[in-house]
Protein backbone atom coordinates (compact mmCIF):
# COMPACT_ATOMS: atom_id res chain seq x y z
CA MET A 1 -12.75 23.15 14.99
CA ASN A 2 -12.28 22.04 10.94
CA PHE A 3 -10.92 19.04 11.05
CA ASN A 4 -7.68 20.03 9.55
CA THR A 5 -7.15 21.81 13.38
CA LYS A 6 -8.39 18.90 15.27
CA VAL A 7 -5.61 16.78 13.86
CA ILE A 8 -3.78 19.57 15.63
CA HIS A 9 -4.78 21.04 18.49
CA GLY A 10 -8.08 18.45 18.95
CA GLY A 11 -8.24 17.61 22.71
CA GLN A 12 -5.08 18.55 23.40
CA HIS A 13 -2.74 21.42 25.84
CA HIS A 14 0.30 22.46 26.26
CA GLU A 15 2.11 20.29 29.28
CA SER A 16 1.50 22.31 32.68
CA ALA A 17 5.02 22.52 34.31
CA THR A 18 7.62 23.36 30.87
CA GLY A 19 5.01 24.96 29.10
CA SER A 20 6.15 22.46 26.10
CA VAL A 21 4.49 22.46 23.07
CA ASN A 22 4.52 18.69 22.76
CA VAL A 23 4.01 16.31 25.00
CA PRO A 24 6.13 14.10 26.43
CA VAL A 25 7.41 10.53 26.58
CA PHE A 26 6.30 9.76 29.84
CA LEU A 27 8.56 6.70 30.55
CA THR A 28 7.43 5.62 33.94
CA SER A 29 5.45 3.32 35.04
CA THR A 30 4.03 4.78 38.38
CA PHE A 31 3.18 8.25 39.95
CA ALA A 32 4.16 10.10 43.29
CA GLN A 33 0.78 10.75 45.47
CA LYS A 34 0.73 13.03 47.74
CA SER A 35 -1.57 11.03 50.86
CA PRO A 36 -2.36 7.49 49.89
CA GLY A 37 -5.36 7.67 47.20
CA ILE A 38 -4.28 11.67 46.51
CA HIS A 39 -2.36 12.47 43.10
CA SER A 40 -2.63 14.23 40.16
CA GLY A 41 -4.77 12.24 38.43
CA TYR A 42 -1.91 9.78 37.51
CA GLU A 43 -1.34 6.55 39.82
CA TYR A 44 0.06 3.75 37.74
CA SER A 45 0.65 3.31 33.93
CA ARG A 46 -2.10 1.17 32.72
CA ALA A 47 -4.71 3.13 33.78
CA ALA A 48 -3.55 6.18 32.54
CA ASN A 49 0.16 7.73 31.02
CA PRO A 50 -0.25 11.68 30.16
CA THR A 51 1.51 10.07 26.83
CA ARG A 52 -1.82 7.86 26.22
CA GLN A 53 -4.25 10.24 27.86
CA ALA A 54 -3.07 13.04 24.75
CA LEU A 55 -3.27 10.38 22.12
CA GLU A 56 -6.55 8.86 23.43
CA ASP A 57 -7.44 12.90 23.89
CA SER A 58 -7.06 13.23 19.97
CA LEU A 59 -8.69 10.46 18.87
CA ALA A 60 -12.22 11.46 20.49
CA SER A 61 -11.56 14.34 18.70
CA ILE A 62 -10.85 13.49 15.64
CA GLU A 63 -13.84 10.85 15.24
CA ASN A 64 -16.33 13.24 17.27
CA GLY A 65 -16.65 10.83 20.68
CA ALA A 66 -16.97 10.75 23.93
CA ARG A 67 -13.67 8.40 25.02
CA GLY A 68 -10.72 7.39 23.57
CA LEU A 69 -8.91 4.39 24.14
CA ALA A 70 -5.46 3.42 22.79
CA PHE A 71 -4.15 -0.16 22.57
CA GLY A 72 -1.29 -2.02 21.75
CA SER A 73 -2.51 -3.01 18.53
CA GLY A 74 -5.47 -3.63 16.92
CA LEU A 75 -6.82 -6.76 17.31
CA ALA A 76 -5.89 -5.62 20.81
CA ALA A 77 -8.67 -2.99 20.53
CA ILE A 78 -11.03 -5.50 18.25
CA ASP A 79 -10.67 -8.20 22.14
CA CYS A 80 -11.96 -5.18 23.91
CA VAL A 81 -14.77 -4.68 22.09
CA LEU A 82 -15.52 -8.24 22.46
CA LYS A 83 -15.03 -9.04 25.95
CA LEU A 84 -18.01 -6.08 26.49
CA LEU A 85 -20.29 -9.47 25.46
CA ASN A 86 -21.16 -12.11 27.97
CA PRO A 87 -21.28 -16.63 26.58
CA GLY A 88 -24.48 -17.18 24.27
CA ASP A 89 -24.22 -13.03 22.68
CA GLU A 90 -24.38 -12.87 19.44
CA VAL A 91 -22.22 -10.97 16.77
CA ILE A 92 -23.80 -10.61 13.27
CA ALA A 93 -20.22 -9.14 11.24
CA VAL A 94 -19.60 -8.69 7.46
CA ASP A 95 -18.06 -11.19 5.13
CA ASP A 96 -15.40 -9.53 4.48
CA LEU A 97 -12.85 -8.57 7.00
CA TYR A 98 -9.48 -8.35 8.11
CA GLY A 99 -8.48 -11.81 8.67
CA GLY A 100 -7.08 -11.36 11.45
CA THR A 101 -10.54 -10.06 12.84
CA TYR A 102 -11.83 -13.63 11.81
CA ARG A 103 -9.80 -15.39 13.11
CA MET A 104 -10.01 -14.09 16.51
CA PHE A 105 -13.61 -14.28 16.40
CA THR A 106 -14.39 -17.89 15.13
CA ARG A 107 -10.82 -19.29 16.66
CA LEU A 108 -10.50 -17.66 20.00
CA PHE A 109 -14.28 -16.32 21.12
CA GLU A 110 -16.08 -18.67 19.85
CA LYS A 111 -15.06 -21.61 22.18
CA TYR A 112 -16.35 -19.07 25.27
CA GLN A 113 -20.36 -19.46 23.10
CA LEU A 114 -20.08 -16.54 21.43
CA LYS A 115 -21.96 -17.11 18.05
CA PHE A 116 -20.74 -15.43 15.07
CA THR A 117 -22.55 -14.86 11.60
CA PHE A 118 -20.91 -13.71 8.96
CA VAL A 119 -23.25 -12.49 6.33
CA ASN A 120 -23.12 -9.76 2.86
CA PHE A 121 -24.37 -6.09 4.10
CA ASP A 122 -25.39 -5.31 0.60
CA ASP A 123 -28.52 -5.36 1.12
CA VAL A 124 -28.46 -3.58 4.65
CA SER A 125 -33.23 -4.90 5.20
CA LYS A 126 -31.80 -8.22 4.55
CA ILE A 127 -29.76 -8.61 8.78
CA SER A 128 -32.92 -7.05 10.33
CA ASP A 129 -34.25 -10.61 9.53
CA LEU A 130 -30.80 -12.29 11.68
CA ILE A 131 -31.48 -10.27 14.43
CA SER A 132 -32.55 -11.68 17.61
CA ASP A 133 -33.22 -11.54 21.35
CA GLN A 134 -29.63 -12.66 21.47
CA THR A 135 -27.58 -9.78 18.97
CA LYS A 136 -25.71 -8.00 20.56
CA LEU A 137 -23.38 -6.25 18.70
CA ILE A 138 -22.91 -5.76 14.62
CA TRP A 139 -19.52 -5.34 13.44
CA ILE A 140 -18.88 -4.07 10.04
CA GLU A 141 -15.29 -3.07 7.84
CA THR A 142 -16.16 -0.11 5.05
CA PRO A 143 -14.63 -0.40 2.81
CA THR A 144 -13.78 -4.39 4.02
CA ASN A 145 -10.29 -5.77 3.27
CA PRO A 146 -9.09 -6.93 0.51
CA LEU A 147 -12.39 -6.69 -1.45
CA MET A 148 -13.71 -2.63 -0.96
CA LYS A 149 -16.75 -3.32 0.06
CA LEU A 150 -18.97 -1.13 2.11
CA VAL A 151 -21.58 -1.21 4.28
CA ASP A 152 -24.76 1.89 4.64
CA ILE A 153 -23.39 2.81 8.78
CA LYS A 154 -26.20 4.86 8.36
CA ALA A 155 -28.89 1.80 7.38
CA VAL A 156 -27.13 -0.27 9.50
CA THR A 157 -27.42 2.05 12.83
CA ASP A 158 -30.84 3.20 12.10
CA LEU A 159 -31.97 -0.93 12.38
CA ALA A 160 -29.83 -0.96 15.35
CA LYS A 161 -32.00 1.88 16.79
CA GLY A 162 -34.43 1.38 19.90
CA LYS A 163 -32.70 -2.25 20.57
CA ASP A 164 -29.64 -3.26 22.50
CA ILE A 165 -27.48 -3.74 20.37
CA LEU A 166 -23.96 -2.14 19.34
CA VAL A 167 -22.80 -0.81 16.15
CA ALA A 168 -19.17 -0.87 15.81
CA VAL A 169 -17.20 0.09 12.68
CA ASP A 170 -13.45 -0.96 11.78
CA ASN A 171 -12.81 2.71 10.32
CA THR A 172 -9.42 1.54 9.34
CA PHE A 173 -9.20 1.96 5.57
CA ALA A 174 -11.20 5.45 5.84
CA THR A 175 -9.81 7.38 8.55
CA PRO A 176 -11.57 9.79 9.80
CA TYR A 177 -10.04 11.88 7.37
CA LEU A 178 -12.99 10.22 4.59
CA GLN A 179 -15.63 8.88 7.06
CA ARG A 180 -16.20 9.89 10.62
CA PRO A 181 -18.52 6.76 11.26
CA ILE A 182 -20.21 8.54 14.90
CA ASP A 183 -21.71 10.75 13.16
CA LEU A 184 -23.85 8.27 11.18
CA GLY A 185 -24.94 6.91 14.46
CA ALA A 186 -21.68 3.93 15.45
CA ASP A 187 -21.82 3.49 18.82
CA ILE A 188 -17.69 2.14 18.63
CA VAL A 189 -14.93 3.18 16.03
CA MET A 190 -11.98 0.99 15.75
CA HIS A 191 -9.03 1.14 14.29
CA SER A 192 -5.87 -0.32 13.25
CA ALA A 193 -4.02 2.80 14.17
CA THR A 194 -0.39 0.92 12.95
CA LYS A 195 -1.61 2.22 10.10
CA TYR A 196 -2.55 5.48 8.77
CA LEU A 197 -3.13 7.16 12.13
CA GLY A 198 0.64 6.50 12.75
CA GLY A 199 1.62 6.90 8.86
CA HIS A 200 4.67 5.89 8.33
CA SER A 201 5.36 1.91 9.61
CA ASP A 202 7.04 2.06 12.22
CA VAL A 203 4.61 1.05 15.72
CA ILE A 204 1.85 -1.52 16.22
CA ALA A 205 -1.05 -0.19 17.88
CA GLY A 206 -4.95 -0.14 18.40
CA ALA A 207 -7.35 2.58 18.79
CA LEU A 208 -11.14 2.56 20.12
CA ILE A 209 -13.54 5.80 20.10
CA ALA A 210 -17.21 5.51 22.28
CA LYS A 211 -19.64 7.46 21.51
CA THR A 212 -20.30 7.75 24.87
CA ALA A 213 -18.79 8.50 28.41
CA GLU A 214 -20.66 5.93 29.74
CA LEU A 215 -19.61 3.23 27.13
CA GLY A 216 -15.99 4.94 27.18
CA GLU A 217 -15.64 3.97 30.83
CA LYS A 218 -16.99 -0.06 30.30
CA LEU A 219 -14.25 -0.14 27.93
CA HIS A 220 -11.89 1.64 29.31
CA PHE A 221 -12.51 -0.59 33.08
CA ILE A 222 -11.93 -3.30 30.90
CA GLN A 223 -8.68 -2.14 28.68
CA PHE A 224 -7.26 -1.75 32.93
CA ALA A 225 -8.19 -5.40 33.56
CA SER A 226 -6.99 -6.56 30.63
CA GLY A 227 -3.75 -4.75 30.16
CA GLY A 228 -3.30 -4.84 26.37
CA ILE A 229 -2.59 -1.08 26.83
CA LEU A 230 -0.50 1.39 23.84
CA GLY A 231 3.22 2.52 25.74
CA PRO A 232 4.25 5.70 26.41
CA HIS A 233 6.82 6.02 23.52
CA ASP A 234 4.17 4.61 20.69
CA SER A 235 1.79 6.56 21.83
CA TYR A 236 3.90 9.89 20.99
CA LEU A 237 4.63 8.14 17.53
CA VAL A 238 1.14 7.57 16.73
CA LEU A 239 0.17 11.31 18.20
CA ARG A 240 3.03 12.55 15.89
CA GLY A 241 1.55 10.78 12.72
CA ILE A 242 -1.62 11.70 13.07
CA LYS A 243 -0.73 15.81 12.96
CA THR A 244 -0.77 15.03 9.16
CA LEU A 245 -3.24 12.75 8.54
CA ALA A 246 -5.58 14.87 6.36
CA LEU A 247 -2.97 16.01 4.12
CA ARG A 248 -0.90 12.25 4.35
CA VAL A 249 -4.91 10.95 3.13
CA GLN A 250 -5.69 13.76 0.71
CA ARG A 251 -2.13 12.69 -1.16
CA HIS A 252 -2.54 8.61 -0.31
CA SER A 253 -6.68 9.83 -2.17
CA GLU A 254 -5.29 11.87 -5.25
CA ASN A 255 -2.60 8.30 -5.80
CA GLY A 256 -4.94 5.82 -5.40
CA MET A 257 -7.38 7.31 -7.68
CA ALA A 258 -4.36 7.58 -10.27
CA VAL A 259 -3.59 3.85 -9.46
CA ALA A 260 -7.12 3.13 -9.91
CA LYS A 261 -7.71 4.64 -14.37
CA TYR A 262 -4.06 3.23 -14.77
CA LEU A 263 -5.06 -0.51 -13.62
CA GLU A 264 -8.53 -0.14 -14.88
CA SER A 265 -7.21 1.17 -18.79
CA HIS A 266 -4.37 -1.84 -18.49
CA PRO A 267 -4.73 -4.86 -21.12
CA ALA A 268 -3.12 -7.31 -18.20
CA VAL A 269 -5.96 -6.79 -15.61
CA ASP A 270 -9.09 -8.13 -16.00
CA LYS A 271 -11.15 -6.14 -12.55
CA VAL A 272 -9.96 -3.03 -10.55
CA ILE A 273 -11.90 -2.85 -6.96
CA TYR A 274 -11.81 1.13 -6.20
CA PRO A 275 -14.52 3.28 -4.36
CA GLY A 276 -14.23 6.03 -5.93
CA LEU A 277 -14.39 4.52 -9.98
CA GLU A 278 -17.78 4.44 -12.04
CA SER A 279 -17.52 1.11 -11.89
CA HIS A 280 -18.05 0.30 -7.78
CA PRO A 281 -20.78 -0.66 -7.52
CA GLN A 282 -21.09 1.19 -4.58
CA HIS A 283 -19.70 4.58 -6.04
CA ASP A 284 -22.60 5.90 -5.36
CA LEU A 285 -22.72 5.05 -1.94
CA ALA A 286 -19.33 5.83 -0.88
CA LYS A 287 -20.02 8.77 -2.69
CA LYS A 288 -22.46 9.59 0.03
CA GLN A 289 -20.75 8.83 3.53
CA MET A 290 -16.89 9.76 2.50
CA LYS A 291 -14.83 12.57 1.91
CA ASP A 292 -12.60 10.97 -0.79
CA PHE A 293 -11.70 7.53 -1.37
CA GLY A 294 -8.23 6.38 0.46
CA GLY A 295 -5.49 5.46 -1.30
CA MET A 296 -6.44 1.57 -1.05
CA VAL A 297 -7.49 -0.96 -4.56
CA SER A 298 -7.52 -3.94 -5.24
CA PHE A 299 -7.24 -5.82 -8.77
CA THR A 300 -7.50 -9.59 -10.30
CA PHE A 301 -5.78 -10.21 -13.93
CA LYS A 302 -7.58 -11.85 -16.48
CA SER A 303 -5.92 -14.64 -16.93
CA GLY A 304 -7.13 -15.39 -13.17
CA LYS A 305 -3.72 -16.58 -13.00
CA LYS A 306 -1.60 -17.26 -9.28
CA GLU A 307 1.60 -17.60 -11.20
CA ASP A 308 0.94 -13.42 -12.66
CA ALA A 309 0.41 -12.21 -9.41
CA ILE A 310 3.28 -13.52 -8.33
CA LYS A 311 5.03 -12.93 -10.95
CA PHE A 312 3.83 -8.88 -10.73
CA LEU A 313 4.80 -8.25 -7.38
CA GLU A 314 8.02 -10.41 -7.46
CA LYS A 315 8.83 -7.03 -9.98
CA VAL A 316 8.18 -4.12 -8.42
CA LYS A 317 10.51 -2.12 -6.64
CA VAL A 318 8.65 1.34 -5.07
CA PHE A 319 5.73 -0.73 -4.34
CA THR A 320 7.38 -3.05 -1.48
CA LEU A 321 6.26 -6.21 -1.16
CA ALA A 322 4.80 -6.64 2.40
CA GLU A 323 2.19 -6.51 4.60
CA SER A 324 0.32 -3.87 6.46
CA LEU A 325 -0.88 -0.99 4.39
CA GLY A 326 -1.83 3.00 5.22
CA GLY A 327 1.65 4.36 5.32
CA VAL A 328 3.83 6.82 3.45
CA GLU A 329 5.82 4.16 1.21
CA SER A 330 3.46 2.03 -1.26
CA LEU A 331 2.70 -1.27 -0.58
CA ALA A 332 2.04 -4.75 -2.73
CA ASN A 333 0.32 -7.81 -0.82
CA HIS A 334 -1.18 -11.25 -2.26
CA PRO A 335 -3.93 -11.35 0.47
CA ALA A 336 -3.86 -15.15 -0.28
CA LEU A 337 -0.82 -15.73 0.91
CA MET A 338 0.03 -12.97 3.35
CA THR A 339 -2.80 -10.80 5.88
CA HIS A 340 -5.79 -13.84 4.72
CA ALA A 341 -4.15 -16.98 4.80
CA SER A 342 -4.97 -17.75 8.54
CA ILE A 343 -8.70 -18.22 6.03
CA PRO A 344 -9.40 -20.86 4.97
CA ALA A 345 -10.03 -21.86 1.35
CA GLU A 346 -13.08 -22.76 1.25
CA LYS A 347 -14.05 -19.54 2.32
CA ARG A 348 -11.38 -16.84 0.51
CA ALA A 349 -13.34 -18.48 -2.99
CA GLU A 350 -17.28 -17.96 -0.99
CA LEU A 351 -15.77 -14.87 -0.76
CA GLY A 352 -14.27 -13.56 -3.87
CA ILE A 353 -9.99 -13.70 -2.89
CA THR A 354 -9.22 -15.47 -5.24
CA ASP A 355 -5.53 -16.81 -6.31
CA ASP A 356 -4.82 -13.71 -8.43
CA LEU A 357 -6.07 -10.26 -6.06
CA VAL A 358 -3.17 -7.75 -5.53
CA ARG A 359 -4.32 -5.41 -3.28
CA LEU A 360 -2.05 -2.37 -3.38
CA SER A 361 -1.88 0.55 -0.44
CA VAL A 362 -0.45 3.89 -2.90
CA GLY A 363 1.45 5.90 -0.91
CA ILE A 364 2.49 9.90 -0.69
CA GLU A 365 5.25 9.37 -4.02
CA ASP A 366 5.05 11.10 -6.86
CA GLU A 367 2.33 9.30 -9.12
CA ALA A 368 4.27 9.65 -12.04
CA ASP A 369 6.74 7.19 -10.42
CA LEU A 370 3.82 4.42 -8.62
CA ILE A 371 2.75 3.83 -12.63
CA ALA A 372 6.32 4.09 -13.88
CA ASP A 373 6.69 1.32 -11.04
CA LEU A 374 3.77 -1.26 -11.81
CA GLU A 375 3.60 -0.55 -15.85
CA LYS A 376 7.64 -2.26 -15.38
CA ALA A 377 6.06 -5.29 -13.13
CA PHE A 378 3.61 -6.09 -15.84
CA SER A 379 5.80 -6.59 -18.58
């Protein structure tokens, strides 16, 4: 199947008892058994639930993986990956991370003797100097949140090839419509399914897709043993969102490019960070490993003033001032005060997450209305 067909039919089957085209929401905690240990494949919903299974099969299909797993949040999915590791193991991670990921790495898992090294992946060849016998995981976001840095996924996976190192890619910003890391050699793909996969800002969910069945089974055991599963109704909502993923992300990308070009021409704007612009330092890499460029745009003000960013954010109307991203509605966010507040100020300054940085999640509204809203907010 091609991708537009996969989002609707990939890994999916009509419900066997009734022929229902849409998977029913199986609101049950347990399942009747014919005899002790003899059942239809379902025993207890923490281990497996038919609605969640339909979503997990869809996830594996659209990311070209062997096994999909659905979690109660994106952070629950990341937590599962880290539980593959042992005390003393080392993780190399991209330096510009979602704040919640950074918080989990540094404030939760460091105390269990995991070592985290945060580095700029602009020159992947330099990463080889950091790899040791203790390195067991390389964690990538691409594009990153909120600075829209790109990582050459194939170059990183080539670097890890033949070593006992897993490569995991947070594919939340790009979505599998634009980028498929497993095809580029990654072992694990992670999504905050709250975002583009769900697509309607009505669910909190996370996803993992494993390249191999063996790795998928290890992750499933951790999911089952730790219990961070996604409930059946939320699974239904994410699965429904996936069916329109291709249509939505194409529109997000069209609007994202229009907004980026508008911002680039505005006299109050200093820097626009969007992979689709030729001014982006990794534009060529974006063209190579992404189908299009998505709906996430960040920018700074020529004044460099935090007050100008706040004033702008207080005046938007079509864009909603709120955390999160990837819904059909456009959102605006101040990373330093909102999504990345958990990162220490000195670390934010080092990365370039300045106090005048604004991050936009460009939705699927009419392009002209989005531009008009931005124009009024600048006035």
